[in-house]
């Protein structure tokens, strides 16, 4: 009986990439695997056929020979179902399905345990606006895991060394055979480390690390803002089995300010002014991060107008020129008026004739009129 075309068996085109080839084989193998289809000869035959096709097409040299000469160019090269040698079923299945079962053939995943880099840590630092703008140096206390000095991170008592695990022979993984499945799993004895500590260190009890709280000095550069991070290399958790330490990331969070609101390099400030100052003009003292400055208010200033004080903002941490301070004036309505003051206001109102004294009033009423007419 002649064999079917291998591309047809896997349901792929001739120029298919290896990634898609593996995906197609995985789908067929999971569908027809004998463990899922017990006592089903037809399913077993399709599983064998797909495995043979993937073994040939998944190898560049074999695939080139097949593409040129067909089955005649690769006869006898397929390891076949249940093969135990290189290129046999165990290696193929591990390559395709190893990521599901925690390890695979030749992929390097889940290999022997060795020195491992420590975890990175994060510390949130609250700053005032002044500290963020000018920069500051602060001390922080960070709970962390540090390398045990007694055993130098090995976890073994002084004068002794960890020994190779007798279960996995130092590999950190064991191969499990379950029916047609042949997969690698983390060694249950050494938990993937590949070594056993028979005489643990008295200081760290075999962990290789100790819990400590360390004090660090952190320099915050001028111009930082909420969300910025400062990286302290090697100040994270200690690595396992003598591996390098992780890093500490200091996350900046700037508290809300009583007077100023920051938007990038610019600062905003609301400045209340009286009706008289708004109408006649005047001069006010306004705050900046560098001290007080004079702000001239021209006559007939309307509420909400922005006045820009150039260079009174923030110099960004990544460089560039300083931003500006934008003062938004808010015209205040007088309160708690006595009888005489109310009478004066009534006289003042009576003296205003026409709409020339209210620049927005006429256009506003015209807009309201058009709105109702178009409804």
Protein backbone atom coordinates (compact mmCIF):
# COMPACT_ATOMS: atom_id res chain seq x y z
CA UNK A 1 0.00 0.00 0.00
CA UNK A 2 1.47 3.38 -1.06
CA UNK A 3 2.05 6.06 1.55
CA UNK A 4 0.12 9.33 1.58
CA UNK A 5 1.93 12.60 0.96
CA UNK A 6 3.35 13.82 4.26
CA UNK A 7 2.10 17.38 3.70
CA UNK A 8 -1.37 15.99 3.06
CA UNK A 9 -1.18 13.90 6.24
CA UNK A 10 -0.53 17.01 8.35
CA UNK A 11 -2.88 19.18 6.32
CA UNK A 12 -0.30 21.84 5.48
CA UNK A 13 1.10 23.44 2.32
CA UNK A 14 4.53 22.49 0.96
CA UNK A 15 6.21 25.77 1.92
CA UNK A 16 4.88 25.78 5.51
CA UNK A 17 7.10 27.21 8.25
CA UNK A 18 8.31 24.95 11.03
CA UNK A 19 6.18 26.74 13.63
CA UNK A 20 2.98 26.04 11.71
CA UNK A 21 4.16 22.49 10.99
CA UNK A 22 4.55 21.82 14.70
CA UNK A 23 1.14 23.35 15.40
CA UNK A 24 -0.51 21.08 12.81
CA UNK A 25 1.16 17.95 14.20
CA UNK A 26 0.24 18.87 17.76
CA UNK A 27 -3.43 19.15 16.80
CA UNK A 28 -3.50 15.74 15.05
CA UNK A 29 -1.44 13.99 17.74
CA UNK A 30 -3.68 15.19 20.55
CA UNK A 31 -6.77 14.10 18.61
CA UNK A 32 -5.62 10.57 17.69
CA UNK A 33 -3.27 9.70 20.56
CA UNK A 34 -3.89 6.08 21.67
CA UNK A 35 -4.28 7.12 25.30
CA UNK A 36 -7.28 9.17 24.22
CA UNK A 37 -8.56 6.49 21.85
CA UNK A 38 -8.02 3.11 23.56
CA UNK A 39 -8.62 0.03 21.38
CA UNK A 40 -9.10 2.19 18.29
CA UNK A 41 -6.86 0.79 15.57
CA UNK A 42 -7.79 3.50 13.07
CA UNK A 43 -6.83 6.31 15.48
CA UNK A 44 -3.54 4.59 16.27
CA UNK A 45 -2.76 4.26 12.55
CA UNK A 46 -3.43 7.98 11.97
CA UNK A 47 -1.29 8.87 14.98
CA UNK A 48 1.62 6.79 13.63
CA UNK A 49 1.22 8.32 10.18
CA UNK A 50 1.25 11.88 11.54
CA UNK A 51 4.28 11.17 13.75
CA UNK A 52 6.23 9.77 10.81
CA UNK A 53 5.28 12.76 8.66
CA UNK A 54 6.36 15.25 11.31
CA UNK A 55 9.67 13.46 11.92
CA UNK A 56 10.57 13.80 8.22
CA UNK A 57 9.23 17.32 7.59
CA UNK A 58 10.48 18.65 10.91
CA UNK A 59 14.09 17.88 9.97
CA UNK A 60 15.56 20.25 7.37
CA UNK A 61 17.78 17.65 5.65
CA UNK A 62 15.08 14.97 5.55
CA UNK A 63 12.52 17.49 4.36
CA UNK A 64 14.82 18.62 1.50
CA UNK A 65 15.31 14.99 0.43
CA UNK A 66 11.58 14.34 0.59
CA UNK A 67 10.76 17.46 -1.40
CA UNK A 68 13.19 16.35 -4.14
CA UNK A 69 12.68 12.59 -4.31
CA UNK A 70 9.45 11.95 -2.40
CA UNK A 71 9.17 8.86 -0.19
CA UNK A 72 12.05 7.21 -2.04
CA UNK A 73 14.42 9.83 -0.68
CA UNK A 74 13.57 9.21 2.98
CA UNK A 75 12.56 5.52 3.19
CA UNK A 76 13.99 3.99 6.34
CA UNK A 77 14.83 7.37 7.92
CA UNK A 78 11.68 7.69 9.99
CA UNK A 79 12.14 6.43 13.53
CA UNK A 80 8.54 5.30 13.70
CA UNK A 81 6.05 5.10 16.49
CA UNK A 82 7.58 4.12 19.82
CA UNK A 83 11.19 4.59 18.68
CA UNK A 84 13.62 5.20 21.49
CA UNK A 85 16.69 6.52 19.67
CA UNK A 86 17.60 9.97 18.47
CA UNK A 87 14.78 11.29 16.36
CA UNK A 88 12.43 8.64 17.78
CA UNK A 89 8.91 9.23 19.07
CA UNK A 90 9.97 10.25 22.58
CA UNK A 91 12.13 13.08 21.27
CA UNK A 92 9.50 14.24 18.79
CA UNK A 93 6.72 14.20 21.35
CA UNK A 94 8.88 15.97 23.91
CA UNK A 95 9.78 18.66 21.38
CA UNK A 96 6.16 19.36 20.49
CA UNK A 97 4.43 18.80 23.83
CA UNK A 98 7.22 19.43 26.34
CA UNK A 99 5.98 22.93 27.17
CA UNK A 100 2.69 21.42 28.34
CA UNK A 101 4.23 18.84 30.64
CA UNK A 102 7.05 20.93 32.11
CA UNK A 103 10.01 19.96 29.95
CA UNK A 104 11.00 18.61 26.56
CA UNK A 105 13.74 17.06 24.51
CA UNK A 106 16.63 19.24 23.49
CA UNK A 107 14.92 22.51 24.33
CA UNK A 108 16.92 23.33 27.45
CA UNK A 109 13.79 24.03 29.52
CA UNK A 110 13.73 22.90 33.10
CA UNK A 111 17.38 21.93 33.08
CA UNK A 112 19.56 21.37 36.09
CA UNK A 113 19.18 23.92 38.85
CA UNK A 114 22.11 26.25 39.38
CA UNK A 115 22.81 29.84 40.41
CA UNK A 116 19.68 31.91 39.86
CA UNK A 117 19.31 35.68 39.79
CA UNK A 118 17.38 37.16 42.69
CA UNK A 119 14.00 38.85 42.30
CA UNK A 120 13.68 42.57 41.62
CA UNK A 121 12.03 44.65 44.35
CA UNK A 122 9.92 47.81 44.20
CA UNK A 123 9.74 50.56 46.79
CA UNK A 124 7.23 53.43 46.48
CA UNK A 125 8.66 56.73 47.70
CA UNK A 126 6.35 59.67 48.43
CA UNK A 127 7.81 63.10 47.76
CA UNK A 128 6.59 66.65 48.18
CA UNK A 129 6.42 68.78 45.04
CA UNK A 130 9.39 70.82 46.26
CA UNK A 131 11.49 67.66 46.76
CA UNK A 132 10.56 66.33 43.34
CA UNK A 133 11.39 69.61 41.61
CA UNK A 134 14.67 70.33 43.42
CA UNK A 135 15.91 66.79 44.03
CA UNK A 136 16.62 65.20 47.38
CA UNK A 137 18.58 62.43 49.07
CA UNK A 138 16.60 60.12 51.34
CA UNK A 139 17.26 57.02 53.40
CA UNK A 140 14.90 54.06 53.10
CA UNK A 141 14.60 50.78 54.96
CA UNK A 142 13.91 47.79 52.73
CA UNK A 143 13.07 44.24 53.89
CA UNK A 144 14.85 41.80 51.62
CA UNK A 145 16.63 38.46 51.28
CA UNK A 146 20.44 38.68 51.35
CA UNK A 147 23.06 36.04 50.67
CA UNK A 148 23.96 34.08 53.78
CA UNK A 149 27.53 35.06 54.71
CA UNK A 150 28.11 31.89 56.72
CA UNK A 151 27.69 29.49 53.76
CA UNK A 152 28.23 32.06 50.98
CA UNK A 153 24.81 31.19 49.55
CA UNK A 154 25.38 27.44 49.12
CA UNK A 155 23.00 26.47 51.93
CA UNK A 156 25.46 23.82 53.19
CA UNK A 157 27.18 23.83 56.56
CA UNK A 158 30.69 25.26 56.64
CA UNK A 159 33.17 22.64 55.46
CA UNK A 160 30.57 20.68 53.48
CA UNK A 161 29.12 20.92 49.97
CA UNK A 162 25.76 20.04 48.40
CA UNK A 163 25.79 16.58 46.82
CA UNK A 164 24.38 15.49 43.50
CA UNK A 165 20.80 14.20 43.76
CA UNK A 166 20.72 10.41 43.46
CA UNK A 167 17.24 10.44 41.93
CA UNK A 168 17.95 12.67 38.90
CA UNK A 169 21.77 12.31 39.02
CA UNK A 170 22.22 16.05 39.19
CA UNK A 171 19.97 16.91 36.22
CA UNK A 172 17.12 18.41 38.21
CA UNK A 173 14.62 16.56 36.00
CA UNK A 174 13.39 13.00 35.66
CA UNK A 175 11.83 11.34 32.61
CA UNK A 176 8.41 9.84 33.16
CA UNK A 177 6.95 7.16 30.86
CA UNK A 178 3.14 7.06 30.85
CA UNK A 179 1.85 4.83 28.11
CA UNK A 180 2.97 6.44 24.87
CA UNK A 181 3.85 9.69 26.67
CA UNK A 182 7.49 10.27 27.55
CA UNK A 183 7.90 13.59 29.30
CA UNK A 184 10.28 15.28 31.68
CA UNK A 185 9.24 16.52 35.09
CA UNK A 186 10.92 18.40 37.92
CA UNK A 187 12.73 15.97 40.20
CA UNK A 188 10.56 15.47 43.31
CA UNK A 189 13.58 14.78 45.51
CA UNK A 190 15.69 17.89 44.86
CA UNK A 191 12.86 20.03 43.43
CA UNK A 192 14.84 20.78 40.30
CA UNK A 193 18.03 21.93 42.03
CA UNK A 194 20.05 18.88 41.01
CA UNK A 195 21.71 18.81 44.46
CA UNK A 196 20.81 17.73 47.98
CA UNK A 197 22.02 19.48 51.12
CA UNK A 198 22.59 16.73 53.68
CA UNK A 199 24.07 19.01 56.37
CA UNK A 200 22.35 22.44 56.13
CA UNK A 201 23.87 25.72 57.27
CA UNK A 202 22.89 26.64 60.84
CA UNK A 203 22.42 30.32 59.97
CA UNK A 204 20.09 30.05 56.96
CA UNK A 205 18.85 26.47 57.52
CA UNK A 206 19.82 25.41 54.01
CA UNK A 207 18.13 28.28 52.15
CA UNK A 208 21.33 30.11 51.21
CA UNK A 209 19.65 33.45 51.99
CA UNK A 210 18.56 35.32 55.13
CA UNK A 211 15.79 37.83 55.77
CA UNK A 212 17.14 41.24 56.67
CA UNK A 213 16.16 44.90 56.67
CA UNK A 214 18.76 47.14 55.10
CA UNK A 215 19.04 50.93 55.03
CA UNK A 216 19.83 52.51 51.68
CA UNK A 217 20.56 56.09 50.68
CA UNK A 218 18.66 57.08 47.54
CA UNK A 219 19.52 60.16 45.47
CA UNK A 220 16.42 61.54 43.77
CA UNK A 221 17.39 63.74 40.81
CA UNK A 222 15.73 67.12 40.30
CA UNK A 223 12.67 67.17 38.08
CA UNK A 224 11.22 63.71 38.74
CA UNK A 225 7.48 63.21 38.58
CA UNK A 226 4.93 60.57 39.61
CA UNK A 227 5.65 57.32 37.77
CA UNK A 228 9.40 57.85 37.38
CA UNK A 229 11.66 55.03 38.62
CA UNK A 230 15.18 55.02 40.01
CA UNK A 231 17.04 51.72 39.59
CA UNK A 232 19.45 50.60 42.30
CA UNK A 233 21.48 47.81 40.73
CA UNK A 234 22.09 44.74 42.90
CA UNK A 235 19.95 45.98 45.79
CA UNK A 236 17.09 43.52 45.22
CA UNK A 237 16.75 40.03 46.66
CA UNK A 238 19.78 37.81 46.84
CA UNK A 239 20.11 35.15 44.17
CA UNK A 240 19.64 31.44 44.89
CA UNK A 241 22.61 29.07 44.95
CA UNK A 242 25.05 31.97 44.94
CA UNK A 243 23.45 33.72 41.95
CA UNK A 244 23.54 37.52 41.47
CA UNK A 245 21.13 39.75 43.36
CA UNK A 246 18.19 41.42 41.66
CA UNK A 247 17.63 45.17 41.43
CA UNK A 248 15.61 47.59 43.54
CA UNK A 249 13.30 50.01 41.71
CA UNK A 250 12.28 53.13 43.64
CA UNK A 251 8.91 54.29 42.28
CA UNK A 252 8.24 58.01 42.70
CA UNK A 253 4.84 59.28 43.87
CA UNK A 254 4.47 63.07 44.28
CA UNK A 255 1.89 64.27 46.82
CA UNK A 256 -0.72 66.85 45.86
CA UNK A 257 0.37 70.41 46.64
CA UNK A 258 -1.73 72.98 48.46
CA UNK A 259 -1.12 75.73 45.89
CA UNK A 260 0.36 74.25 42.72
CA UNK A 261 -0.71 71.65 40.19
CA UNK A 262 1.99 70.17 37.96
CA UNK A 263 1.48 69.19 34.32
CA UNK A 264 4.76 68.07 32.83
CA UNK A 265 7.21 70.95 33.03
CA UNK A 266 4.53 73.57 33.78
CA UNK A 267 2.95 74.55 37.09
CA UNK A 268 -0.56 75.96 37.54
CA UNK A 269 -1.81 78.14 40.37
CA UNK A 270 -5.25 79.67 41.06
CA UNK A 271 -5.06 83.29 42.24
CA UNK A 272 -8.18 84.92 43.78
CA UNK A 273 -8.66 88.63 43.05
CA UNK A 274 -11.34 91.14 44.06
CA UNK A 275 -13.90 92.69 41.75
CA UNK A 276 -12.16 96.06 42.16
CA UNK A 277 -8.73 94.69 41.18
CA UNK A 278 -10.28 92.88 38.22
CA UNK A 279 -12.10 96.03 37.03
CA UNK A 280 -9.46 98.69 37.74
CA UNK A 281 -6.30 96.61 37.60
CA UNK A 282 -3.64 96.28 40.23
CA UNK A 283 -0.55 94.43 41.36
CA UNK A 284 -0.47 91.22 43.38
CA UNK A 285 2.17 89.08 45.03
CA UNK A 286 1.96 85.48 43.85
CA UNK A 287 3.95 82.48 45.13
CA UNK A 288 6.49 80.49 43.09
CA UNK A 289 8.77 77.65 44.14
CA UNK A 290 11.60 80.22 44.21
CA UNK A 291 9.76 82.82 46.32
CA UNK A 292 7.26 85.61 45.76
CA UNK A 293 6.98 87.64 42.56
CA UNK A 294 4.84 90.62 41.49
CA UNK A 295 2.02 89.98 39.04
CA UNK A 296 0.42 92.92 37.24
CA UNK A 297 -3.33 92.62 36.73
CA UNK A 298 -4.54 94.81 33.85
CA UNK A 299 -7.88 96.61 34.07
CA UNK A 300 -11.00 94.76 32.93
CA UNK A 301 -9.50 91.30 33.62
CA UNK A 302 -12.06 88.50 33.38
CA UNK A 303 -12.26 85.48 35.68
CA UNK A 304 -10.28 82.48 34.36
CA UNK A 305 -7.65 84.50 32.49
CA UNK A 306 -4.19 82.90 32.50
CA UNK A 307 -1.01 84.86 33.22
CA UNK A 308 2.28 83.19 32.28
CA UNK A 309 5.43 83.60 34.36
CA UNK A 310 8.16 82.22 32.12
CA UNK A 311 10.85 79.99 33.59
CA UNK A 312 9.06 79.60 36.93
CA UNK A 313 8.03 76.00 36.28
CA UNK A 314 10.06 72.75 36.43
CA UNK A 315 13.27 71.66 34.72
CA UNK A 316 12.45 68.09 33.51
CA UNK A 317 14.58 65.26 34.89
CA UNK A 318 15.57 64.25 31.35
CA UNK A 319 16.84 67.73 30.54
CA UNK A 320 15.58 70.75 28.67
CA UNK A 321 14.52 74.26 29.61
CA UNK A 322 12.40 75.11 32.61
CA UNK A 323 8.65 75.26 32.18
CA UNK A 324 6.37 78.12 33.13
CA UNK A 325 4.07 79.03 36.00
CA UNK A 326 0.56 79.78 34.78
CA UNK A 327 -1.56 81.80 37.19
CA UNK A 328 -5.31 81.52 36.65
CA UNK A 329 -7.20 84.46 38.21
CA UNK A 330 -10.52 83.81 39.91
CA UNK A 331 -12.65 86.91 40.47
CA UNK A 332 -14.29 86.66 43.89
CA UNK A 333 -17.77 87.92 44.69
CA UNK A 334 -17.72 89.87 47.96
CA UNK A 335 -19.59 88.29 50.88
CA UNK A 336 -20.88 89.43 54.31
CA UNK A 337 -21.74 92.92 53.03
CA UNK A 338 -23.23 95.48 55.42
CA UNK A 339 -26.16 97.73 54.56
CA UNK A 340 -24.03 100.63 53.36
CA UNK A 341 -21.97 98.39 51.07
CA UNK A 342 -25.10 96.85 49.55
CA UNK A 343 -26.53 100.30 48.88
CA UNK A 344 -23.29 101.35 47.17
CA UNK A 345 -23.46 98.26 44.94
CA UNK A 346 -27.07 99.00 44.05
CA UNK A 347 -26.09 102.55 43.13
CA UNK A 348 -23.20 101.19 41.07
CA UNK A 349 -25.49 98.76 39.26
CA UNK A 350 -27.95 101.53 38.50
CA UNK A 351 -25.16 103.57 36.97
CA UNK A 352 -24.42 100.81 34.44
CA UNK A 353 -26.52 101.35 31.35
CA UNK A 354 -26.44 99.19 28.26
CA UNK A 355 -24.39 96.04 27.69
CA UNK A 356 -21.06 97.67 26.93
CA UNK A 357 -19.88 96.95 30.48
CA UNK A 358 -20.53 93.20 30.17
CA UNK A 359 -18.51 91.97 27.16
CA UNK A 360 -19.81 88.40 27.32
CA UNK A 361 -23.40 89.08 28.30
CA UNK A 362 -24.71 90.05 24.86
CA UNK A 363 -23.10 87.15 22.99
CA UNK A 364 -24.27 84.71 25.69
CA UNK A 365 -27.91 85.79 25.45
CA UNK A 366 -27.76 85.66 21.66
CA UNK A 367 -26.48 82.10 21.89
CA UNK A 368 -29.30 81.16 24.26
CA UNK A 369 -31.86 82.69 21.87
CA UNK A 370 -30.53 80.72 18.89
CA UNK A 371 -30.55 77.54 20.94
CA UNK A 372 -34.26 77.79 21.73
CA UNK A 373 -35.13 78.85 18.17
CA UNK A 374 -33.45 75.75 16.74
CA UNK A 375 -35.15 73.32 19.13
